[in-house]
Amino acid sequence: MLIQKRSLAEEVAARLQEQISLGHYKVNEKLPIEPELMKAFGVGRSTIREAIKLLANSGLLRVQQGVGTFVERTTSGAEPMDQRLKRAKVTDLDEIRQLLEMKIAEKAAANRTDRNIEEISMHLTERKIAADANMVEAAVEADIQFHIAIAEASGNQILADLYKSAAIHLKQWFLQIHNNTHPYTETHHLHEQLLNCIVERDTANAWRTAEKIINYR
């Protein structure tokens, strides 16, 4: 087997990564400037820049032009999805949630149980009561729980977990953009229709109804 020798930049990157993993630099902490790193590792500027580039490409570091280089995370492994969602833009999160809603509606129509129907119906009732009373926070929470119950009914736990993570992180944004429950009263009939499609195991119309709900927004 051919053993490849690491470049000087790769050696520096490995040593810097080790320092980060040992806690010498914390998340969001700025690294020393290039001359200080050059002195610390006994290498030239080009080697430092290449090492930084390697770690930035792996997601360990974040380079902000004109500001400096910061620690993005302390391990080079894949970032946990929940942590990634926490720092995502709300518009990106909402797009993920919307895409998932159509698929989970379709899957729920195919796989739902009687217990699932009870859960979905309960949250739909709570949603209507809150919306009619103009209770914004309660309407938002009930709406989220309604769709989470549909996600659980899909029978695909990965889809359900993805939807729950995305939707829960969006709650505060919903509260910011909705100062009344008008959007919830206006779409109640569509949510009722979606429940009926799931009850009737009508997968095609469940997908289309979920799409109508998304397009209303």
Protein backbone atom coordinates (compact mmCIF):
# COMPACT_ATOMS: atom_id res chain seq x y z
CA MET A 1 0.00 0.00 0.00
CA LEU A 2 1.31 3.44 -0.96
CA ILE A 3 1.59 5.75 2.04
CA GLN A 4 1.08 9.33 0.98
CA LYS A 5 3.13 11.95 2.75
CA ARG A 6 1.15 14.89 4.07
CA SER A 7 2.03 18.35 2.83
CA LEU A 8 3.32 21.00 5.25
CA ALA A 9 -0.05 22.77 5.05
CA GLU A 10 -1.85 19.53 5.95
CA GLU A 11 0.48 19.07 8.93
CA VAL A 12 -0.24 22.60 10.14
CA ALA A 13 -3.98 22.08 9.59
CA ALA A 14 -3.86 18.86 11.65
CA ARG A 15 -2.02 20.58 14.50
CA LEU A 16 -4.41 23.52 14.44
CA GLN A 17 -7.37 21.16 14.39
CA GLU A 18 -5.94 19.37 17.43
CA GLN A 19 -5.61 22.67 19.30
CA ILE A 20 -9.23 23.52 18.51
CA SER A 21 -10.50 20.10 19.60
CA LEU A 22 -8.54 20.42 22.87
CA GLY A 23 -10.30 23.70 23.61
CA HIS A 24 -7.47 26.15 22.97
CA TYR A 25 -9.90 28.03 20.74
CA LYS A 26 -13.65 28.14 21.34
CA VAL A 27 -16.53 28.34 18.85
CA ASN A 28 -16.79 31.87 17.37
CA GLU A 29 -13.38 32.76 18.80
CA LYS A 30 -11.05 34.60 16.41
CA LEU A 31 -7.75 32.92 15.56
CA PRO A 32 -4.46 34.83 15.88
CA ILE A 33 -3.44 36.89 12.87
CA GLU A 34 -1.28 35.31 10.15
CA PRO A 35 2.13 36.58 11.40
CA GLU A 36 1.44 35.09 14.83
CA LEU A 37 0.42 31.74 13.33
CA MET A 38 3.49 31.79 11.08
CA LYS A 39 5.69 32.26 14.12
CA ALA A 40 3.87 29.65 16.21
CA PHE A 41 4.13 26.94 13.54
CA GLY A 42 7.42 28.04 12.02
CA VAL A 43 6.07 28.22 8.48
CA GLY A 44 5.46 30.81 5.77
CA ARG A 45 2.35 32.80 4.95
CA SER A 46 1.30 30.59 2.02
CA THR A 47 1.38 27.48 4.24
CA ILE A 48 -0.80 29.15 6.87
CA ARG A 49 -3.27 30.29 4.24
CA GLU A 50 -3.48 26.83 2.72
CA ALA A 51 -3.98 25.24 6.16
CA ILE A 52 -6.75 27.74 6.94
CA LYS A 53 -8.36 26.97 3.59
CA LEU A 54 -8.32 23.23 4.32
CA LEU A 55 -10.01 23.71 7.69
CA ALA A 56 -12.51 26.19 6.28
CA ASN A 57 -13.47 23.72 3.55
CA SER A 58 -14.07 21.06 6.20
CA GLY A 59 -16.39 23.43 8.06
CA LEU A 60 -14.13 23.81 11.07
CA LEU A 61 -13.23 27.46 10.44
CA ARG A 62 -15.08 30.47 9.05
CA VAL A 63 -13.14 33.13 7.15
CA GLN A 64 -14.61 36.64 7.14
CA GLN A 65 -12.84 38.86 4.67
CA GLY A 66 -11.38 41.96 6.31
CA VAL A 67 -12.32 40.70 9.78
CA GLY A 68 -10.45 37.49 10.47
CA THR A 69 -10.76 33.72 10.82
CA PHE A 70 -13.13 32.26 13.40
CA VAL A 71 -13.79 28.81 14.83
CA GLU A 72 -17.04 27.50 13.33
CA ARG A 73 -17.14 24.30 15.37
CA THR A 74 -14.77 22.26 17.49
CA THR A 75 -14.94 18.92 15.67
CA SER A 76 -14.58 18.14 11.99
CA GLY A 77 -17.37 15.56 12.04
CA ALA A 78 -20.80 16.24 10.62
CA GLU A 79 -22.69 18.92 12.51
CA PRO A 80 -25.80 17.59 14.31
CA MET A 81 -28.89 18.51 12.30
CA ASP A 82 -30.57 20.24 15.22
CA GLN A 83 -27.58 22.51 15.65
CA ARG A 84 -27.52 23.23 11.93
CA LEU A 85 -31.20 24.13 11.95
CA LYS A 86 -30.70 26.49 14.88
CA ARG A 87 -28.35 28.67 12.86
CA ALA A 88 -30.27 28.39 9.57
CA LYS A 89 -32.06 31.35 8.00
CA VAL A 90 -35.78 31.24 8.78
CA THR A 91 -36.59 31.45 5.07
CA ASP A 92 -34.50 28.32 4.41
CA LEU A 93 -36.18 26.54 7.31
CA ASP A 94 -39.61 27.50 6.05
CA GLU A 95 -38.81 26.19 2.58
CA ILE A 96 -37.76 22.84 4.05
CA ARG A 97 -40.91 22.71 6.16
CA GLN A 98 -43.12 23.46 3.16
CA LEU A 99 -41.48 20.80 1.00
CA LEU A 100 -41.88 18.23 3.75
CA GLU A 101 -45.56 19.05 4.33
CA MET A 102 -46.65 17.68 0.96
CA LYS A 103 -44.76 14.41 1.38
CA ILE A 104 -45.87 13.78 4.95
CA ALA A 105 -49.49 14.50 3.96
CA GLU A 106 -49.27 11.93 1.18
CA LYS A 107 -47.59 9.36 3.43
CA ALA A 108 -50.04 10.02 6.28
CA ALA A 109 -52.96 9.33 3.97
CA ALA A 110 -51.42 5.96 3.15
CA ASN A 111 -50.24 4.93 6.60
CA ARG A 112 -52.38 6.67 9.24
CA THR A 113 -53.97 4.78 12.12
CA ASP A 114 -57.18 5.59 13.98
CA ARG A 115 -55.04 6.94 16.81
CA ASN A 116 -53.28 9.27 14.36
CA ILE A 117 -56.65 10.60 13.18
CA GLU A 118 -57.65 11.34 16.78
CA GLU A 119 -54.41 13.30 17.34
CA ILE A 120 -54.71 15.28 14.10
CA SER A 121 -58.39 16.06 14.78
CA MET A 122 -57.65 17.22 18.32
CA HIS A 123 -55.02 19.70 17.17
CA LEU A 124 -57.25 20.94 14.35
CA THR A 125 -59.99 21.67 16.90
CA GLU A 126 -57.49 23.49 19.13
CA ARG A 127 -56.28 25.46 16.11
CA LYS A 128 -59.82 26.61 15.24
CA ILE A 129 -60.68 27.58 18.82
CA ALA A 130 -57.49 29.63 19.14
CA ALA A 131 -57.91 31.22 15.71
CA ASP A 132 -61.55 32.20 16.38
CA ALA A 133 -60.49 33.77 19.69
CA ASN A 134 -57.59 35.62 18.02
CA MET A 135 -55.12 33.90 20.34
CA VAL A 136 -52.04 34.12 18.12
CA GLU A 137 -49.56 32.08 20.16
CA ALA A 138 -52.07 29.31 20.81
CA ALA A 139 -53.04 29.23 17.11
CA VAL A 140 -49.39 29.00 16.04
CA GLU A 141 -48.70 26.21 18.53
CA ALA A 142 -51.83 24.27 17.53
CA ASP A 143 -50.98 24.64 13.83
CA ILE A 144 -47.47 23.31 14.41
CA GLN A 145 -48.82 20.39 16.46
CA PHE A 146 -51.43 19.63 13.77
CA HIS A 147 -48.73 19.22 11.13
CA ILE A 148 -46.44 17.35 13.52
CA ALA A 149 -49.28 14.87 14.14
CA ILE A 150 -49.55 14.40 10.37
CA ALA A 151 -45.78 13.87 10.20
CA GLU A 152 -46.06 11.19 12.90
CA ALA A 153 -48.88 9.56 10.91
CA SER A 154 -46.62 9.31 7.86
CA GLY A 155 -44.98 6.23 9.32
CA ASN A 156 -41.54 7.57 8.38
CA GLN A 157 -39.79 8.64 11.57
CA ILE A 158 -36.96 10.39 9.74
CA LEU A 159 -39.46 12.58 7.86
CA ALA A 160 -41.27 13.21 11.14
CA ASP A 161 -38.09 14.19 12.98
CA LEU A 162 -36.99 16.49 10.17
CA TYR A 163 -40.37 18.19 10.11
CA LYS A 164 -40.52 18.58 13.89
CA SER A 165 -37.04 20.10 14.02
CA ALA A 166 -37.73 22.58 11.23
CA ALA A 167 -41.19 23.60 12.46
CA ILE A 168 -40.24 24.07 16.10
CA HIS A 169 -37.35 26.36 15.17
CA LEU A 170 -39.79 28.49 13.16
CA LYS A 171 -42.25 29.15 15.98
CA GLN A 172 -40.79 32.49 17.04
CA TRP A 173 -40.71 33.65 13.43
CA PHE A 174 -44.40 32.82 13.02
CA LEU A 175 -45.17 34.87 16.11
CA GLN A 176 -43.26 37.80 14.63
CA ILE A 177 -44.95 37.79 11.23
CA HIS A 178 -48.51 37.07 12.44
CA ASN A 179 -50.01 39.80 14.63
CA ASN A 180 -53.48 38.28 14.34
CA THR A 181 -55.01 34.90 13.53
CA HIS A 182 -56.54 35.87 10.18
CA PRO A 183 -54.25 33.48 8.20
CA TYR A 184 -55.40 30.64 10.47
CA THR A 185 -59.13 31.32 10.14
CA GLU A 186 -58.76 31.78 6.37
CA THR A 187 -57.09 28.40 5.92
CA HIS A 188 -59.20 26.37 8.34
CA HIS A 189 -61.26 24.86 5.50
CA LEU A 190 -58.07 23.69 3.78
CA HIS A 191 -56.82 22.06 6.96
CA GLU A 192 -60.19 20.37 7.38
CA GLN A 193 -59.96 19.19 3.80
CA LEU A 194 -56.48 17.83 4.44
CA LEU A 195 -57.71 15.87 7.44
CA ASN A 196 -60.55 14.42 5.37
CA CYS A 197 -58.10 13.31 2.67
CA ILE A 198 -56.02 11.55 5.30
CA VAL A 199 -59.11 9.92 6.81
CA GLU A 200 -60.18 8.70 3.36
CA ARG A 201 -56.63 7.55 2.51
CA ASP A 202 -56.69 9.78 -0.55
CA THR A 203 -52.95 10.23 -1.11
CA ALA A 204 -53.17 12.30 -4.31
CA ASN A 205 -55.58 14.86 -2.87
CA ALA A 206 -53.69 14.96 0.43
CA TRP A 207 -50.60 16.07 -1.51
CA ARG A 208 -52.59 18.64 -3.51
CA THR A 209 -54.33 20.05 -0.44
CA ALA A 210 -51.04 20.42 1.42
CA GLU A 211 -49.71 22.26 -1.63
CA LYS A 212 -52.72 24.61 -1.51
CA ILE A 213 -52.01 25.36 2.14
CA ILE A 214 -48.39 26.17 1.30
CA ASN A 215 -49.33 28.36 -1.65
CA TYR A 216 -51.78 30.33 0.50
CA ARG A 217 -48.86 31.52 2.59
